[in-house]
């Protein structure tokens, strides 16, 4: 009556009705994904700051890394692990696993490379400037020659910067020939978090050895959940104002036609 039309739910200011329900669902799901991704990540991963240059170029001094909390039994060759051994240091250390229980690790082979059970390893992750060190015995994979059979339940660990890393080679004369118990492992480094952000790839050179290489951790899925959650929350937050603006525009157009 009086030329007035009834205003339906969801018309006019864009609130209520299907649009309001859709916006609310998006925000709710977004918060669940966003917070869930963060909580999941905090439970699974532990951040560490690497203080030394022993893992250059893979990890640089001062880099912040994310290490997946795992049991030592899950460690595979090629993994970069965080471990704590009182004979090595009072603080956690970061090194690469090159041998596990039962392996014979030797340096160097005929090609100047590290060998595991007689197989020469292609190690693209070691510092390139050390590849042609003249005084490296038998090659460049290590300045220190050695041959170690790793005890069961233990790991042989080396830094990627072989010329400046205090690793298993520095403990060859100790019980276990420089190896560390699997139980000493606190986590496996999956990614660099700061100042650069990137995933640590599993070295394919170990894939053909028994046990293969470790699988990828859930970090990518966790990041995807956080990003998707943020996008849904943003969508829900802007949906109402956008619909109101569009609805007012349509109402003005109708009023102009009349």
Protein backbone atom coordinates (compact mmCIF):
# COMPACT_ATOMS: atom_id res chain seq x y z
CA UNK A 1 0.00 0.00 0.00
CA UNK A 2 1.01 3.63 -0.63
CA UNK A 3 3.41 2.44 -3.33
CA UNK A 4 5.67 0.81 -0.75
CA UNK A 5 6.94 -2.66 -1.39
CA UNK A 6 7.70 -5.16 1.31
CA UNK A 7 11.40 -5.53 2.06
CA UNK A 8 12.40 -9.18 1.97
CA UNK A 9 14.86 -10.70 4.40
CA UNK A 10 18.33 -10.23 2.95
CA UNK A 11 17.25 -7.23 0.79
CA UNK A 12 18.18 -3.62 1.44
CA UNK A 13 21.23 -3.85 3.71
CA UNK A 14 22.39 -7.27 2.54
CA UNK A 15 22.00 -8.93 5.95
CA UNK A 16 19.95 -11.96 6.78
CA UNK A 17 18.65 -14.66 4.53
CA UNK A 18 20.85 -16.92 2.48
CA UNK A 19 23.67 -14.38 2.11
CA UNK A 20 23.99 -13.87 5.86
CA UNK A 21 23.99 -17.64 6.42
CA UNK A 22 26.65 -18.18 3.76
CA UNK A 23 28.82 -15.45 5.28
CA UNK A 24 28.50 -16.94 8.77
CA UNK A 25 29.38 -20.43 7.56
CA UNK A 26 32.43 -19.14 5.72
CA UNK A 27 33.70 -17.29 8.79
CA UNK A 28 33.10 -20.27 11.07
CA UNK A 29 34.88 -22.72 8.78
CA UNK A 30 37.66 -20.18 8.23
CA UNK A 31 38.32 -19.78 11.95
CA UNK A 32 38.39 -23.57 12.41
CA UNK A 33 40.90 -24.01 9.59
CA UNK A 34 43.01 -21.02 10.59
CA UNK A 35 43.28 -21.82 14.29
CA UNK A 36 43.37 -25.57 13.68
CA UNK A 37 46.31 -25.20 11.29
CA UNK A 38 48.25 -23.15 13.83
CA UNK A 39 47.51 -25.51 16.72
CA UNK A 40 48.33 -28.57 14.61
CA UNK A 41 51.62 -26.97 13.58
CA UNK A 42 52.52 -26.07 17.18
CA UNK A 43 51.91 -29.66 18.27
CA UNK A 44 53.86 -31.29 15.42
CA UNK A 45 56.72 -28.80 14.92
CA UNK A 46 59.34 -27.19 17.13
CA UNK A 47 61.27 -24.07 16.00
CA UNK A 48 65.04 -23.93 16.45
CA UNK A 49 67.65 -21.28 15.73
CA UNK A 50 70.86 -22.68 14.22
CA UNK A 51 73.88 -20.93 15.81
CA UNK A 52 76.75 -22.34 13.69
CA UNK A 53 77.79 -22.59 10.04
CA UNK A 54 78.33 -26.38 10.02
CA UNK A 55 75.27 -26.96 7.79
CA UNK A 56 76.04 -24.27 5.18
CA UNK A 57 74.78 -23.98 2.47
CA UNK A 58 71.65 -25.90 3.49
CA UNK A 59 71.18 -23.97 6.74
CA UNK A 60 73.02 -20.76 7.56
CA UNK A 61 73.96 -19.35 10.98
CA UNK A 62 70.99 -17.61 12.57
CA UNK A 63 68.43 -19.38 10.40
CA UNK A 64 65.17 -20.33 12.09
CA UNK A 65 64.13 -23.87 11.18
CA UNK A 66 61.03 -25.97 11.83
CA UNK A 67 61.73 -29.49 13.07
CA UNK A 68 59.02 -32.13 13.10
CA UNK A 69 58.84 -33.87 16.45
CA UNK A 70 59.53 -37.51 15.63
CA UNK A 71 60.70 -40.65 17.35
CA UNK A 72 64.30 -41.58 16.62
CA UNK A 73 63.10 -44.79 15.02
CA UNK A 74 61.58 -42.76 12.16
CA UNK A 75 64.90 -41.27 11.07
CA UNK A 76 66.18 -42.19 7.59
CA UNK A 77 69.44 -41.53 5.77
CA UNK A 78 69.65 -38.01 4.38
CA UNK A 79 67.48 -36.47 7.10
CA UNK A 80 68.68 -33.26 8.75
CA UNK A 81 68.02 -33.81 12.43
CA UNK A 82 68.10 -31.89 15.69
CA UNK A 83 69.65 -33.98 18.47
CA UNK A 84 71.09 -33.62 21.96
CA UNK A 85 74.13 -35.62 23.06
CA UNK A 86 75.97 -34.56 26.22
CA UNK A 87 79.28 -35.89 24.85
CA UNK A 88 78.99 -33.50 21.91
CA UNK A 89 77.48 -30.37 23.43
CA UNK A 90 75.23 -28.99 26.14
CA UNK A 91 72.94 -27.55 23.45
CA UNK A 92 70.93 -29.16 20.64
CA UNK A 93 72.85 -29.64 17.39
CA UNK A 94 71.82 -29.91 13.74
CA UNK A 95 73.50 -32.43 11.41
CA UNK A 96 72.68 -34.71 8.48
CA UNK A 97 72.25 -38.47 8.89
CA UNK A 98 74.50 -40.33 6.44
CA UNK A 99 74.48 -43.76 8.06
CA UNK A 100 72.16 -45.85 10.22
CA UNK A 101 72.63 -49.04 12.24
CA UNK A 102 74.47 -51.73 10.27
CA UNK A 103 75.82 -49.35 7.61
CA UNK A 104 79.50 -49.13 6.75
CA UNK A 105 80.30 -45.49 6.10
CA UNK A 106 83.63 -44.70 4.47
CA UNK A 107 85.51 -41.78 3.06
CA UNK A 108 86.61 -41.68 0.54
CA UNK A 109 85.74 -43.90 -2.41
CA UNK A 110 87.62 -44.04 -5.71
CA UNK A 111 85.68 -41.00 -6.94
CA UNK A 112 86.51 -38.99 -3.83
CA UNK A 113 83.00 -39.34 -2.50
CA UNK A 114 81.46 -40.66 0.67
CA UNK A 115 80.36 -44.29 0.42
CA UNK A 116 77.63 -46.13 2.32
CA UNK A 117 77.82 -49.92 2.06
CA UNK A 118 80.12 -49.50 -0.95
CA UNK A 119 77.75 -47.14 -2.81
CA UNK A 120 79.21 -43.75 -3.69
CA UNK A 121 76.91 -40.89 -2.76
CA UNK A 122 76.18 -37.89 -4.94
CA UNK A 123 75.90 -35.13 -2.34
CA UNK A 124 74.73 -31.92 -4.03
CA UNK A 125 73.95 -30.39 -0.64
CA UNK A 126 77.58 -30.10 0.55
CA UNK A 127 79.37 -26.77 0.25
CA UNK A 128 80.50 -26.45 -3.36
CA UNK A 129 83.73 -24.58 -2.64
CA UNK A 130 85.01 -27.67 -0.83
CA UNK A 131 84.71 -29.96 -3.86
CA UNK A 132 88.31 -29.50 -5.00
CA UNK A 133 90.24 -29.30 -1.74
CA UNK A 134 93.77 -30.37 -2.63
CA UNK A 135 94.72 -31.82 0.75
CA UNK A 136 91.53 -33.84 1.19
CA UNK A 137 92.67 -37.50 1.33
CA UNK A 138 91.24 -39.47 -1.57
CA UNK A 139 88.89 -36.64 -2.56
CA UNK A 140 86.77 -33.81 -1.21
CA UNK A 141 83.88 -35.36 0.72
CA UNK A 142 85.95 -35.18 3.91
CA UNK A 143 89.38 -33.97 4.99
CA UNK A 144 89.43 -36.82 7.51
CA UNK A 145 89.60 -40.39 6.18
CA UNK A 146 87.50 -42.89 8.09
CA UNK A 147 85.63 -46.15 7.90
CA UNK A 148 82.91 -46.84 10.47
CA UNK A 149 80.38 -49.61 10.91
CA UNK A 150 77.43 -47.98 12.65
CA UNK A 151 76.14 -49.91 15.68
CA UNK A 152 72.48 -50.93 15.63
CA UNK A 153 70.24 -48.21 17.06
CA UNK A 154 72.78 -45.50 16.28
CA UNK A 155 73.34 -42.83 13.60
CA UNK A 156 76.43 -41.44 11.86
CA UNK A 157 76.08 -37.67 11.41
CA UNK A 158 77.95 -35.15 9.27
CA UNK A 159 77.61 -31.44 8.60
CA UNK A 160 77.10 -30.20 5.04
CA UNK A 161 80.07 -27.87 5.42
CA UNK A 162 82.54 -30.72 5.72
CA UNK A 163 85.58 -28.48 6.09
CA UNK A 164 84.26 -26.74 9.21
CA UNK A 165 81.87 -29.14 10.93
CA UNK A 166 82.49 -30.81 14.27
CA UNK A 167 80.48 -33.98 13.71
CA UNK A 168 80.88 -37.74 14.00
CA UNK A 169 84.40 -37.47 12.55
CA UNK A 170 85.51 -35.50 15.60
CA UNK A 171 84.41 -38.35 17.90
CA UNK A 172 85.80 -41.35 16.04
CA UNK A 173 88.00 -42.39 18.97
CA UNK A 174 85.09 -42.45 21.43
CA UNK A 175 82.82 -45.40 22.18
CA UNK A 176 80.52 -45.94 19.23
CA UNK A 177 83.04 -44.33 16.83
CA UNK A 178 81.31 -41.00 16.77
CA UNK A 179 77.79 -42.35 16.34
CA UNK A 180 74.77 -41.05 18.25
CA UNK A 181 71.85 -43.05 19.63
CA UNK A 182 68.55 -42.67 17.79
CA UNK A 183 66.98 -41.74 21.13
CA UNK A 184 69.04 -38.53 21.11
CA UNK A 185 67.04 -37.19 18.14
CA UNK A 186 64.55 -34.44 19.01
CA UNK A 187 63.22 -33.65 15.57
CA UNK A 188 63.70 -33.74 11.79
CA UNK A 189 64.14 -30.40 10.02
CA UNK A 190 61.41 -30.00 7.40
CA UNK A 191 61.72 -26.32 6.50
CA UNK A 192 63.51 -23.02 6.84
CA UNK A 193 61.19 -20.50 8.47
CA UNK A 194 63.28 -17.31 8.74
CA UNK A 195 64.75 -15.23 7.14
CA UNK A 196 63.99 -17.37 4.07
CA UNK A 197 61.02 -19.71 3.76
CA UNK A 198 61.50 -23.00 1.95
CA UNK A 199 61.07 -26.74 2.38
CA UNK A 200 64.09 -29.00 2.83
CA UNK A 201 64.07 -31.60 0.09
CA UNK A 202 64.94 -35.23 0.84
CA UNK A 203 68.21 -36.17 -0.96
CA UNK A 204 67.50 -38.66 -3.71
CA UNK A 205 71.00 -40.15 -3.43
CA UNK A 206 69.82 -42.29 -0.47
CA UNK A 207 66.60 -43.49 -2.10
CA UNK A 208 68.13 -46.66 -3.54
CA UNK A 209 69.51 -47.81 -0.18
CA UNK A 210 67.45 -50.17 2.03
CA UNK A 211 64.77 -48.22 3.90
CA UNK A 212 64.80 -45.40 1.36
CA UNK A 213 64.24 -41.81 2.41
CA UNK A 214 61.72 -40.32 4.81
CA UNK A 215 58.34 -39.05 3.69
CA UNK A 216 57.29 -35.43 3.59
CA UNK A 217 55.92 -34.01 6.83
CA UNK A 218 52.48 -32.35 7.16
CA UNK A 219 53.79 -28.78 7.05
CA UNK A 220 52.45 -28.00 3.56
CA UNK A 221 49.00 -29.21 4.57
CA UNK A 222 49.11 -27.12 7.73
CA UNK A 223 50.10 -23.99 5.81
CA UNK A 224 47.33 -24.67 3.28
CA UNK A 225 44.80 -24.91 6.12
CA UNK A 226 45.94 -21.58 7.59
CA UNK A 227 45.84 -19.80 4.20
CA UNK A 228 42.45 -21.26 3.29
CA UNK A 229 41.08 -20.33 6.71
CA UNK A 230 42.30 -16.74 6.37
CA UNK A 231 40.74 -16.49 2.90
CA UNK A 232 37.37 -17.75 4.16
CA UNK A 233 37.37 -15.35 7.12
CA UNK A 234 38.19 -12.47 4.78
CA UNK A 235 35.43 -13.55 2.40
CA UNK A 236 32.90 -13.69 5.21
CA UNK A 237 34.00 -10.29 6.52
CA UNK A 238 33.70 -8.45 3.20
CA UNK A 239 30.64 -10.27 1.86
CA UNK A 240 28.09 -8.20 3.81
CA UNK A 241 29.49 -4.73 2.93
CA UNK A 242 29.89 -5.68 -0.74
CA UNK A 243 26.32 -6.97 -0.98
CA UNK A 244 24.99 -3.83 0.75
CA UNK A 245 26.77 -1.59 -1.77
CA UNK A 246 25.47 -3.62 -4.70
CA UNK A 247 21.94 -3.72 -3.29
CA UNK A 248 21.84 0.06 -2.76
CA UNK A 249 23.00 0.53 -6.33
CA UNK A 250 20.18 -1.66 -7.62
CA UNK A 251 17.60 0.18 -5.49
CA UNK A 252 18.78 3.54 -6.88
CA UNK A 253 18.49 2.20 -10.40
CA UNK A 254 14.92 1.02 -9.75
CA UNK A 255 14.01 4.36 -8.19
CA UNK A 256 15.39 6.17 -11.22
CA UNK A 257 13.33 4.02 -13.60
CA UNK A 258 10.15 4.88 -11.74
